[in-house]
Amino acid sequence: MHSMTGFGSANAAGDFGRVSVEVRGVNHRFLDVHVRLPRDMASAEPKIREAVEKHAKRGRVEVSVWLTPPNDLLAGSLAPERLRPLREALSELAASLGLADEVKLETLLALRELATPSSGPLGAERSWELLAEPVDKALADFATMREREGEALVADARVLLDAIEQCAATLAERAPQVAEEQGRALAARIAELARGVEISPERLAQEVALLADRSDVREELTRLKSHIAQARQLLRGRHVGRKLDFLVQELFREANTTGSKLSNAATTQEIVQMKSHIEQLREQVQNLE
């Protein structure tokens, strides 16, 4: 099981300069891949997407690539004769737009690529030849972190499922007592309202039975137990985050129905505790791939 959040990085160096690759992942309902590449290596994007899809099935994954040219080319790109025309062009643009001319050195350094003659696109094969190794290493680093976080999430989810199951067991024990209390309260209320009026014992028993039936939560607790068992089974697999998310919604549904049927101070407290555990479980599940 993997988390959808993670980070990985790698570098490679050669006569072409230095390539740095970073991979970041966050939560998302589906797989959403974003690739940022130097303009001369843009043709490698399909290969990078293909590599990402081998490692991730869900989540927003961002792959950023930086290419630093060799020192001799970098020094050349800082030459005044190359940056001066860029400075003049920016000043003219500012004047034409009626803006203040506040072009600073850091702005020119950020845009020096515009003033440096490009060697031209490297082509898909050459770009991927340079990127394949650092991309694979960054994705492997990314996968390792996601797996480690996934294991921690699964362990926490199992603890929460145990806590939810314990709440359900407590409610199952208290439910008959709640039904009896509600029956006695109904009988006392009817006796108070109908003082001096003869009431058929059979009719009173029928009303108490109807109340007890409406307070019966055995079906809800059985479904809760079933959902918990399914969730535990899914936690042994891979790529089941969406199924677990659906099960958590069903757990909330059964907890709400149970709470509406058992209107008792003690059971209400237990329901609140159960919902708190389910909410924590939801937060963990939404991080799982």
C-alpha atoms as a PDB file:
ATOM      1  CA  MET A   1       0.000   0.000   0.000  1.00  0.00           C
ATOM      2  CA  HIS A   2       1.316   3.442  -0.932  1.00  0.00           C
ATOM      3  CA  SER A   3       0.558   6.956   0.205  1.00  0.00           C
ATOM      4  CA  MET A   4      -0.181   9.516  -2.504  1.00  0.00           C
ATOM      5  CA  THR A   5       2.188  12.011  -0.886  1.00  0.00           C
ATOM      6  CA  GLY A   6       5.905  11.730  -1.391  1.00  0.00           C
ATOM      7  CA  PHE A   7       9.085  13.295  -2.714  1.00  0.00           C
ATOM      8  CA  GLY A   8      12.041  12.051  -4.714  1.00  0.00           C
ATOM      9  CA  SER A   9      15.051  13.652  -6.372  1.00  0.00           C
ATOM     10  CA  ALA A  10      18.109  12.724  -8.407  1.00  0.00           C
ATOM     11  CA  ASN A  11      20.918  14.363 -10.374  1.00  0.00           C
ATOM     12  CA  ALA A  12      23.100  13.445 -13.322  1.00  0.00           C
ATOM     13  CA  ALA A  13      26.094  15.211 -14.844  1.00  0.00           C
ATOM     14  CA  GLY A  14      27.950  14.980 -18.140  1.00  0.00           C
ATOM     15  CA  ASP A  15      29.359  17.020 -21.002  1.00  0.00           C
ATOM     16  CA  PHE A  16      25.845  18.420 -21.518  1.00  0.00           C
ATOM     17  CA  GLY A  17      25.883  19.938 -18.020  1.00  0.00           C
ATOM     18  CA  ARG A  18      23.924  18.931 -14.938  1.00  0.00           C
ATOM     19  CA  VAL A  19      20.366  17.583 -14.855  1.00  0.00           C
ATOM     20  CA  SER A  20      18.310  17.805 -11.643  1.00  0.00           C
ATOM     21  CA  VAL A  21      14.971  16.002 -11.293  1.00  0.00           C
ATOM     22  CA  GLU A  22      12.411  16.369  -8.509  1.00  0.00           C
ATOM     23  CA  VAL A  23       9.181  14.408  -8.129  1.00  0.00           C
ATOM     24  CA  ARG A  24       6.433  15.499  -5.728  1.00  0.00           C
ATOM     25  CA  GLY A  25       3.108  13.816  -5.047  1.00  0.00           C
ATOM     26  CA  VAL A  26      -0.048  14.992  -3.261  1.00  0.00           C
ATOM     27  CA  ASN A  27      -3.620  13.749  -2.933  1.00  0.00           C
ATOM     28  CA  HIS A  28      -5.939  13.619  -5.927  1.00  0.00           C
ATOM     29  CA  ARG A  29      -8.926  11.469  -6.870  1.00  0.00           C
ATOM     30  CA  PHE A  30      -7.248  10.336 -10.088  1.00  0.00           C
ATOM     31  CA  LEU A  31      -3.748  10.307 -11.560  1.00  0.00           C
ATOM     32  CA  ASP A  32      -2.860  13.861 -12.602  1.00  0.00           C
ATOM     33  CA  VAL A  33       0.686  14.244 -13.958  1.00  0.00           C
ATOM     34  CA  HIS A  34       2.362  17.636 -14.486  1.00  0.00           C
ATOM     35  CA  VAL A  35       5.800  17.865 -16.133  1.00  0.00           C
ATOM     36  CA  ARG A  36       8.057  20.920 -16.204  1.00  0.00           C
ATOM     37  CA  LEU A  37      10.995  20.709 -18.596  1.00  0.00           C
ATOM     38  CA  PRO A  38      13.616  23.030 -20.095  1.00  0.00           C
ATOM     39  CA  ARG A  39      12.438  24.128 -23.524  1.00  0.00           C
ATOM     40  CA  ASP A  40      15.210  22.211 -25.328  1.00  0.00           C
ATOM     41  CA  MET A  41      14.068  18.938 -23.668  1.00  0.00           C
ATOM     42  CA  ALA A  42      10.305  19.368 -24.065  1.00  0.00           C
ATOM     43  CA  SER A  43      10.078  16.372 -26.398  1.00  0.00           C
ATOM     44  CA  ALA A  44      10.876  14.045 -23.471  1.00  0.00           C
ATOM     45  CA  GLU A  45       7.550  14.747 -21.730  1.00  0.00           C
ATOM     46  CA  PRO A  46       5.686  11.659 -23.086  1.00  0.00           C
ATOM     47  CA  LYS A  47       8.470   9.375 -21.857  1.00  0.00           C
ATOM     48  CA  ILE A  48       8.401  10.983 -18.419  1.00  0.00           C
ATOM     49  CA  ARG A  49       4.623  10.590 -18.199  1.00  0.00           C
ATOM     50  CA  GLU A  50       4.959   6.935 -19.169  1.00  0.00           C
ATOM     51  CA  ALA A  51       7.560   6.420 -16.432  1.00  0.00           C
ATOM     52  CA  VAL A  52       5.344   8.093 -13.813  1.00  0.00           C
ATOM     53  CA  GLU A  53       2.358   5.907 -14.740  1.00  0.00           C
ATOM     54  CA  LYS A  54       4.421   2.812 -13.916  1.00  0.00           C
ATOM     55  CA  HIS A  55       4.893   4.048 -10.350  1.00  0.00           C
ATOM     56  CA  ALA A  56       1.607   5.789  -9.491  1.00  0.00           C
ATOM     57  CA  LYS A  57      -2.085   5.073 -10.072  1.00  0.00           C
ATOM     58  CA  ARG A  58      -3.605   8.000  -8.150  1.00  0.00           C
ATOM     59  CA  GLY A  59      -2.523  11.432  -6.995  1.00  0.00           C
ATOM     60  CA  ARG A  60      -1.216  14.665  -8.440  1.00  0.00           C
ATOM     61  CA  VAL A  61       2.395  14.040  -9.441  1.00  0.00           C
ATOM     62  CA  GLU A  62       4.662  16.914 -10.405  1.00  0.00           C
ATOM     63  CA  VAL A  63       7.956  16.234 -12.175  1.00  0.00           C
ATOM     64  CA  SER A  64      10.341  19.200 -12.448  1.00  0.00           C
ATOM     65  CA  VAL A  65      13.557  19.086 -14.476  1.00  0.00           C
ATOM     66  CA  TRP A  66      16.365  21.649 -14.470  1.00  0.00           C
ATOM     67  CA  LEU A  67      19.275  21.666 -16.909  1.00  0.00           C
ATOM     68  CA  THR A  68      22.370  23.606 -15.864  1.00  0.00           C
ATOM     69  CA  PRO A  69      24.816  24.017 -18.753  1.00  0.00           C
ATOM     70  CA  PRO A  70      28.566  23.490 -18.311  1.00  0.00           C
ATOM     71  CA  ASN A  71      30.498  26.264 -16.565  1.00  0.00           C
ATOM     72  CA  ASP A  72      31.908  27.664 -19.797  1.00  0.00           C
ATOM     73  CA  LEU A  73      28.432  28.057 -21.311  1.00  0.00           C
ATOM     74  CA  LEU A  74      27.044  29.417 -18.062  1.00  0.00           C
ATOM     75  CA  ALA A  75      29.822  32.012 -17.866  1.00  0.00           C
ATOM     76  CA  GLY A  76      29.094  33.014 -21.440  1.00  0.00           C
ATOM     77  CA  SER A  77      25.411  33.477 -20.684  1.00  0.00           C
ATOM     78  CA  LEU A  78      26.374  36.023 -17.999  1.00  0.00           C
ATOM     79  CA  ALA A  79      28.466  38.125 -20.390  1.00  0.00           C
ATOM     80  CA  PRO A  80      27.436  41.812 -20.404  1.00  0.00           C
ATOM     81  CA  GLU A  81      27.274  41.900 -24.202  1.00  0.00           C
ATOM     82  CA  ARG A  82      24.475  39.314 -24.044  1.00  0.00           C
ATOM     83  CA  LEU A  83      22.554  40.734 -21.094  1.00  0.00           C
ATOM     84  CA  ARG A  84      22.751  44.388 -22.200  1.00  0.00           C
ATOM     85  CA  PRO A  85      20.371  43.983 -25.207  1.00  0.00           C
ATOM     86  CA  LEU A  86      17.897  42.175 -22.938  1.00  0.00           C
ATOM     87  CA  ARG A  87      18.090  45.063 -20.441  1.00  0.00           C
ATOM     88  CA  GLU A  88      17.412  47.598 -23.198  1.00  0.00           C
ATOM     89  CA  ALA A  89      14.497  45.560 -24.580  1.00  0.00           C
ATOM     90  CA  LEU A  90      12.879  45.361 -21.151  1.00  0.00           C
ATOM     91  CA  SER A  91      13.304  49.116 -20.623  1.00  0.00           C
ATOM     92  CA  GLU A  92      11.645  49.840 -23.965  1.00  0.00           C
ATOM     93  CA  LEU A  93       8.781  47.511 -23.100  1.00  0.00           C
ATOM     94  CA  ALA A  94       8.285  49.205 -19.729  1.00  0.00           C
ATOM     95  CA  ALA A  95       8.238  52.635 -21.388  1.00  0.00           C
ATOM     96  CA  SER A  96       5.697  51.552 -24.013  1.00  0.00           C
ATOM     97  CA  LEU A  97       3.394  50.264 -21.283  1.00  0.00           C
ATOM     98  CA  GLY A  98       3.827  53.312 -19.087  1.00  0.00           C
ATOM     99  CA  LEU A  99       5.501  51.325 -16.338  1.00  0.00           C
ATOM    100  CA  ALA A 100       8.411  52.266 -14.109  1.00  0.00           C
ATOM    101  CA  ASP A 101      11.762  51.028 -15.400  1.00  0.00           C
ATOM    102  CA  GLU A 102      12.865  48.845 -12.473  1.00  0.00           C
ATOM    103  CA  VAL A 103      14.768  46.062 -14.200  1.00  0.00           C
ATOM    104  CA  LYS A 104      17.117  44.539 -11.636  1.00  0.00           C
ATOM    105  CA  LEU A 105      20.033  42.149 -11.958  1.00  0.00           C
ATOM    106  CA  GLU A 106      18.077  39.215 -10.569  1.00  0.00           C
ATOM    107  CA  THR A 107      15.454  39.782 -13.282  1.00  0.00           C
ATOM    108  CA  LEU A 108      18.104  39.597 -15.992  1.00  0.00           C
ATOM    109  CA  LEU A 109      19.610  36.462 -14.464  1.00  0.00           C
ATOM    110  CA  ALA A 110      16.186  34.814 -14.378  1.00  0.00           C
ATOM    111  CA  LEU A 111      15.696  35.680 -18.069  1.00  0.00           C
ATOM    112  CA  ARG A 112      19.254  35.062 -19.257  1.00  0.00           C
ATOM    113  CA  GLU A 113      18.019  32.060 -21.232  1.00  0.00           C
ATOM    114  CA  LEU A 114      16.399  34.581 -23.606  1.00  0.00           C
ATOM    115  CA  ALA A 115      19.753  36.237 -24.224  1.00  0.00           C
ATOM    116  CA  THR A 116      21.702  33.012 -24.684  1.00  0.00           C
ATOM    117  CA  PRO A 117      21.738  31.396 -28.109  1.00  0.00           C
ATOM    118  CA  SER A 118      19.967  28.057 -27.807  1.00  0.00           C
ATOM    119  CA  SER A 119      21.623  24.919 -29.089  1.00  0.00           C
ATOM    120  CA  GLY A 120      18.157  23.958 -30.290  1.00  0.00           C
ATOM    121  CA  PRO A 121      15.856  21.142 -29.206  1.00  0.00           C
ATOM    122  CA  LEU A 122      17.748  17.990 -28.313  1.00  0.00           C
ATOM    123  CA  GLY A 123      15.140  15.689 -29.807  1.00  0.00           C
ATOM    124  CA  ALA A 124      13.079  13.018 -28.051  1.00  0.00           C
ATOM    125  CA  GLU A 125      15.705  10.258 -28.139  1.00  0.00           C
ATOM    126  CA  ARG A 126      18.618  12.423 -26.971  1.00  0.00           C
ATOM    127  CA  SER A 127      16.522  14.151 -24.298  1.00  0.00           C
ATOM    128  CA  TRP A 128      15.333  10.835 -22.855  1.00  0.00           C
ATOM    129  CA  GLU A 129      18.869   9.431 -23.060  1.00  0.00           C
ATOM    130  CA  LEU A 130      19.976  12.238 -20.748  1.00  0.00           C
ATOM    131  CA  LEU A 131      16.928  12.082 -18.488  1.00  0.00           C
ATOM    132  CA  ALA A 132      16.189   8.350 -18.203  1.00  0.00           C
ATOM    133  CA  GLU A 133      18.616   7.610 -15.365  1.00  0.00           C
ATOM    134  CA  PRO A 134      17.866  10.617 -13.099  1.00  0.00           C
ATOM    135  CA  VAL A 135      14.111  10.305 -13.732  1.00  0.00           C
ATOM    136  CA  ASP A 136      14.140   6.598 -12.816  1.00  0.00           C
ATOM    137  CA  LYS A 137      16.199   7.280  -9.687  1.00  0.00           C
ATOM    138  CA  ALA A 138      13.908  10.148  -8.602  1.00  0.00           C
ATOM    139  CA  LEU A 139      10.814   7.998  -9.151  1.00  0.00           C
ATOM    140  CA  ALA A 140      12.382   5.121  -7.192  1.00  0.00           C
ATOM    141  CA  ASP A 141      13.131   7.536  -4.332  1.00  0.00           C
ATOM    142  CA  PHE A 142       9.566   8.850  -4.631  1.00  0.00           C
ATOM    143  CA  ALA A 143       8.126   5.305  -4.517  1.00  0.00           C
ATOM    144  CA  THR A 144      10.194   4.399  -1.442  1.00  0.00           C
ATOM    145  CA  MET A 145       8.886   7.387   0.485  1.00  0.00           C
ATOM    146  CA  ARG A 146       5.309   6.696  -0.597  1.00  0.00           C
ATOM    147  CA  GLU A 147       5.588   3.068   0.487  1.00  0.00           C
ATOM    148  CA  ARG A 148       7.012   4.022   3.877  1.00  0.00           C
ATOM    149  CA  GLU A 149       4.244   6.548   4.482  1.00  0.00           C
ATOM    150  CA  GLY A 150       1.660   4.081   3.183  1.00  0.00           C
ATOM    151  CA  GLU A 151       2.722   1.483   5.747  1.00  0.00           C
ATOM    152  CA  ALA A 152       2.324   4.045   8.531  1.00  0.00           C
ATOM    153  CA  LEU A 153      -1.138   5.028   7.252  1.00  0.00           C
ATOM    154  CA  VAL A 154      -2.258   1.399   7.075  1.00  0.00           C
ATOM    155  CA  ALA A 155      -1.077   0.745  10.634  1.00  0.00           C
ATOM    156  CA  ASP A 156      -2.995   3.783  11.879  1.00  0.00           C
ATOM    157  CA  ALA A 157      -6.092   2.792   9.872  1.00  0.00           C
ATOM    158  CA  ARG A 158      -6.104  -0.657  11.494  1.00  0.00           C
ATOM    159  CA  VAL A 159      -5.984   0.889  14.968  1.00  0.00           C
ATOM    160  CA  LEU A 160      -8.922   3.131  14.073  1.00  0.00           C
ATOM    161  CA  LEU A 161     -10.935   0.191  12.706  1.00  0.00           C
ATOM    162  CA  ASP A 162     -10.381  -1.608  16.012  1.00  0.00           C
ATOM    163  CA  ALA A 163     -11.634   1.458  17.877  1.00  0.00           C
ATOM    164  CA  ILE A 164     -14.736   1.726  15.652  1.00  0.00           C
ATOM    165  CA  GLU A 165     -15.454  -1.970  16.172  1.00  0.00           C
ATOM    166  CA  GLN A 166     -15.155  -1.544  19.944  1.00  0.00           C
ATOM    167  CA  CYS A 167     -17.667   1.332  19.845  1.00  0.00           C
ATOM    168  CA  ALA A 168     -20.070  -0.849  17.843  1.00  0.00           C
ATOM    169  CA  ALA A 169     -19.697  -3.680  20.370  1.00  0.00           C
ATOM    170  CA  THR A 170     -20.447  -1.292  23.239  1.00  0.00           C
ATOM    171  CA  LEU A 171     -23.556  -0.021  21.440  1.00  0.00           C
ATOM    172  CA  ALA A 172     -24.724  -3.596  20.843  1.00  0.00           C
ATOM    173  CA  GLU A 173     -24.505  -4.249  24.589  1.00  0.00           C
ATOM    174  CA  ARG A 174     -26.355  -1.077  25.521  1.00  0.00           C
ATOM    175  CA  ALA A 175     -29.067  -1.182  22.845  1.00  0.00           C
ATOM    176  CA  PRO A 176     -31.472  -3.545  24.734  1.00  0.00           C
ATOM    177  CA  GLN A 177     -31.175  -1.407  27.855  1.00  0.00           C
ATOM    178  CA  VAL A 178     -31.955   1.722  25.831  1.00  0.00           C
ATOM    179  CA  ALA A 179     -35.066   0.058  24.371  1.00  0.00           C
ATOM    180  CA  GLU A 180     -36.273  -0.874  27.869  1.00  0.00           C
ATOM    181  CA  GLU A 181     -35.667   2.655  29.140  1.00  0.00           C
ATOM    182  CA  GLN A 182     -37.542   4.153  26.209  1.00  0.00           C
ATOM    183  CA  GLY A 183     -40.441   1.719  26.792  1.00  0.00           C
ATOM    184  CA  ARG A 184     -40.712   2.671  30.467  1.00  0.00           C
ATOM    185  CA  ALA A 185     -40.499   6.349  29.610  1.00  0.00           C
ATOM    186  CA  LEU A 186     -43.288   5.952  27.029  1.00  0.00           C
ATOM    187  CA  ALA A 187     -45.529   4.105  29.484  1.00  0.00           C
ATOM    188  CA  ALA A 188     -44.969   6.763  32.159  1.00  0.00           C
ATOM    189  CA  ARG A 189     -45.680   9.552  29.700  1.00  0.00           C
ATOM    190  CA  ILE A 190     -48.902   7.952  28.481  1.00  0.00           C
ATOM    191  CA  ALA A 191     -50.036   7.343  32.060  1.00  0.00           C
ATOM    192  CA  GLU A 192     -49.432  10.999  32.884  1.00  0.00           C
ATOM    193  CA  LEU A 193     -51.282  12.311  29.830  1.00  0.00           C
ATOM    194  CA  ALA A 194     -54.189   9.894  30.174  1.00  0.00           C
ATOM    195  CA  ARG A 195     -54.689  10.248  33.901  1.00  0.00           C
ATOM    196  CA  GLY A 196     -58.201   9.100  34.805  1.00  0.00           C
ATOM    197  CA  VAL A 197     -58.670   7.418  31.415  1.00  0.00           C
ATOM    198  CA  GLU A 198     -58.606   3.659  31.128  1.00  0.00           C
ATOM    199  CA  ILE A 199     -55.951   2.447  28.660  1.00  0.00           C
ATOM    200  CA  SER A 200     -55.890  -1.045  27.231  1.00  0.00           C
ATOM    201  CA  PRO A 201     -52.769  -2.934  28.367  1.00  0.00           C
ATOM    202  CA  GLU A 202     -52.690  -4.595  24.944  1.00  0.00           C
ATOM    203  CA  ARG A 203     -52.640  -1.194  23.211  1.00  0.00           C
ATOM    204  CA  LEU A 204     -49.879   0.060  25.494  1.00  0.00           C
ATOM    205  CA  ALA A 205     -47.843  -3.086  24.856  1.00  0.00           C
ATOM    206  CA  GLN A 206     -48.292  -2.593  21.122  1.00  0.00           C
ATOM    207  CA  GLU A 207     -46.949   0.975  21.269  1.00  0.00           C
ATOM    208  CA  VAL A 208     -43.988  -0.127  23.349  1.00  0.00           C
ATOM    209  CA  ALA A 209     -43.274  -2.895  20.836  1.00  0.00           C
ATOM    210  CA  LEU A 210     -43.377  -0.405  17.953  1.00  0.00           C
ATOM    211  CA  LEU A 211     -40.982   1.869  19.809  1.00  0.00           C
ATOM    212  CA  ALA A 212     -38.645  -1.040  20.461  1.00  0.00           C
ATOM    213  CA  ASP A 213     -38.728  -1.959  16.780  1.00  0.00           C
ATOM    214  CA  ARG A 214     -37.829   1.581  15.757  1.00  0.00           C
ATOM    215  CA  SER A 215     -34.931   1.481  18.236  1.00  0.00           C
ATOM    216  CA  ASP A 216     -33.577  -1.822  16.912  1.00  0.00           C
ATOM    217  CA  VAL A 217     -30.057  -1.185  15.598  1.00  0.00           C
ATOM    218  CA  ARG A 218     -29.002  -4.781  14.996  1.00  0.00           C
ATOM    219  CA  GLU A 219     -29.141  -4.330  11.222  1.00  0.00           C
ATOM    220  CA  GLU A 220     -27.010  -1.172  11.333  1.00  0.00           C
ATOM    221  CA  LEU A 221     -24.461  -2.764  13.653  1.00  0.00           C
ATOM    222  CA  THR A 222     -24.286  -5.848  11.437  1.00  0.00           C
ATOM    223  CA  ARG A 223     -23.529  -3.661   8.414  1.00  0.00           C
ATOM    224  CA  LEU A 224     -20.929  -1.756  10.415  1.00  0.00           C
ATOM    225  CA  LYS A 225     -19.217  -5.025  11.280  1.00  0.00           C
ATOM    226  CA  SER A 226     -19.310  -6.079   7.628  1.00  0.00           C
ATOM    227  CA  HIS A 227     -17.804  -2.766   6.430  1.00  0.00           C
ATOM    228  CA  ILE A 228     -15.030  -3.027   9.016  1.00  0.00           C
ATOM    229  CA  ALA A 229     -14.189  -6.555   7.845  1.00  0.00           C
ATOM    230  CA  GLN A 230     -14.097  -5.415   4.207  1.00  0.00           C
ATOM    231  CA  ALA A 231     -11.849  -2.478   5.072  1.00  0.00           C
ATOM    232  CA  ARG A 232      -9.399  -4.758   6.862  1.00  0.00           C
ATOM    233  CA  GLN A 233      -9.297  -7.028   3.831  1.00  0.00           C
ATOM    234  CA  LEU A 234      -8.686  -4.100   1.470  1.00  0.00           C
ATOM    235  CA  LEU A 235      -5.819  -2.836   3.632  1.00  0.00           C
ATOM    236  CA  ARG A 236      -3.932  -6.000   2.664  1.00  0.00           C
ATOM    237  CA  GLY A 237      -4.078  -5.070  -1.034  1.00  0.00           C
ATOM    238  CA  ARG A 238      -2.806  -2.304  -3.323  1.00  0.00           C
ATOM    239  CA  HIS A 239      -4.425   0.614  -5.151  1.00  0.00           C
ATOM    240  CA  VAL A 240      -7.625   0.386  -3.075  1.00  0.00           C
ATOM    241  CA  GLY A 241      -7.858   3.946  -1.765  1.00  0.00           C
ATOM    242  CA  ARG A 242     -11.055   4.748  -3.669  1.00  0.00           C
ATOM    243  CA  LYS A 243     -12.804   1.597  -2.415  1.00  0.00           C
ATOM    244  CA  LEU A 244     -11.773   2.407   1.144  1.00  0.00           C
ATOM    245  CA  ASP A 245     -13.076   5.942   0.714  1.00  0.00           C
ATOM    246  CA  PHE A 246     -16.475   4.513  -0.284  1.00  0.00           C
ATOM    247  CA  LEU A 247     -16.505   2.173   2.735  1.00  0.00           C
ATOM    248  CA  VAL A 248     -15.782   5.083   5.069  1.00  0.00           C
ATOM    249  CA  GLN A 249     -18.831   6.899   3.676  1.00  0.00           C
ATOM    250  CA  GLU A 250     -20.915   3.814   4.438  1.00  0.00           C
ATOM    251  CA  LEU A 251     -19.516   3.680   7.974  1.00  0.00           C
ATOM    252  CA  PHE A 252     -20.641   7.270   8.480  1.00  0.00           C
ATOM    253  CA  ARG A 253     -24.089   6.391   7.151  1.00  0.00           C
ATOM    254  CA  GLU A 254     -24.571   3.495   9.570  1.00  0.00           C
ATOM    255  CA  ALA A 255     -23.212   5.509  12.505  1.00  0.00           C
ATOM    256  CA  ASN A 256     -25.674   8.331  11.785  1.00  0.00           C
ATOM    257  CA  THR A 257     -28.623   5.933  11.536  1.00  0.00           C
ATOM    258  CA  THR A 258     -27.619   4.184  14.751  1.00  0.00           C
ATOM    259  CA  GLY A 259     -27.325   7.519  16.550  1.00  0.00           C
ATOM    260  CA  SER A 260     -30.787   8.612  15.410  1.00  0.00           C
ATOM    261  CA  LYS A 261     -32.330   5.416  16.811  1.00  0.00           C
ATOM    262  CA  LEU A 262     -30.535   5.343  20.155  1.00  0.00           C
ATOM    263  CA  SER A 263     -31.394   8.621  21.880  1.00  0.00           C
ATOM    264  CA  ASN A 264     -29.662   8.003  25.175  1.00  0.00           C
ATOM    265  CA  ALA A 265     -26.933  10.032  26.887  1.00  0.00           C
ATOM    266  CA  ALA A 266     -24.535   7.104  27.187  1.00  0.00           C
ATOM    267  CA  THR A 267     -25.086   5.852  23.638  1.00  0.00           C
ATOM    268  CA  THR A 268     -24.895   9.385  22.235  1.00  0.00           C
ATOM    269  CA  GLN A 269     -21.442   9.749  23.738  1.00  0.00           C
ATOM    270  CA  GLU A 270     -20.408   6.439  22.189  1.00  0.00           C
ATOM    271  CA  ILE A 271     -21.780   7.512  18.791  1.00  0.00           C
ATOM    272  CA  VAL A 272     -19.808  10.759  18.960  1.00  0.00           C
ATOM    273  CA  GLN A 273     -16.671   8.772  19.739  1.00  0.00           C
ATOM    274  CA  MET A 274     -17.343   6.399  16.857  1.00  0.00           C
ATOM    275  CA  LYS A 275     -17.850   9.279  14.405  1.00  0.00           C
ATOM    276  CA  SER A 276     -14.610  10.839  15.579  1.00  0.00           C
ATOM    277  CA  HIS A 277     -12.749   7.611  14.802  1.00  0.00           C
ATOM    278  CA  ILE A 278     -14.445   7.352  11.397  1.00  0.00           C
ATOM    279  CA  GLU A 279     -13.475  10.946  10.561  1.00  0.00           C
ATOM    280  CA  GLN A 280      -9.849  10.198  11.450  1.00  0.00           C
ATOM    281  CA  LEU A 281     -10.045   7.075   9.291  1.00  0.00           C
ATOM    282  CA  ARG A 282     -11.405   9.145   6.398  1.00  0.00           C
ATOM    283  CA  GLU A 283      -8.429  11.508   6.612  1.00  0.00           C
ATOM    284  CA  GLN A 284      -5.998   8.584   6.507  1.00  0.00           C
ATOM    285  CA  VAL A 285      -7.788   6.789   3.671  1.00  0.00           C
ATOM    286  CA  GLN A 286      -7.755   9.899   1.507  1.00  0.00           C
ATOM    287  CA  ASN A 287      -3.961   9.732   1.571  1.00  0.00           C
ATOM    288  CA  LEU A 288      -3.850   6.143   0.304  1.00  0.00           C
ATOM    289  CA  GLU A 289      -3.372   5.344  -3.359  1.00  0.00           C
END
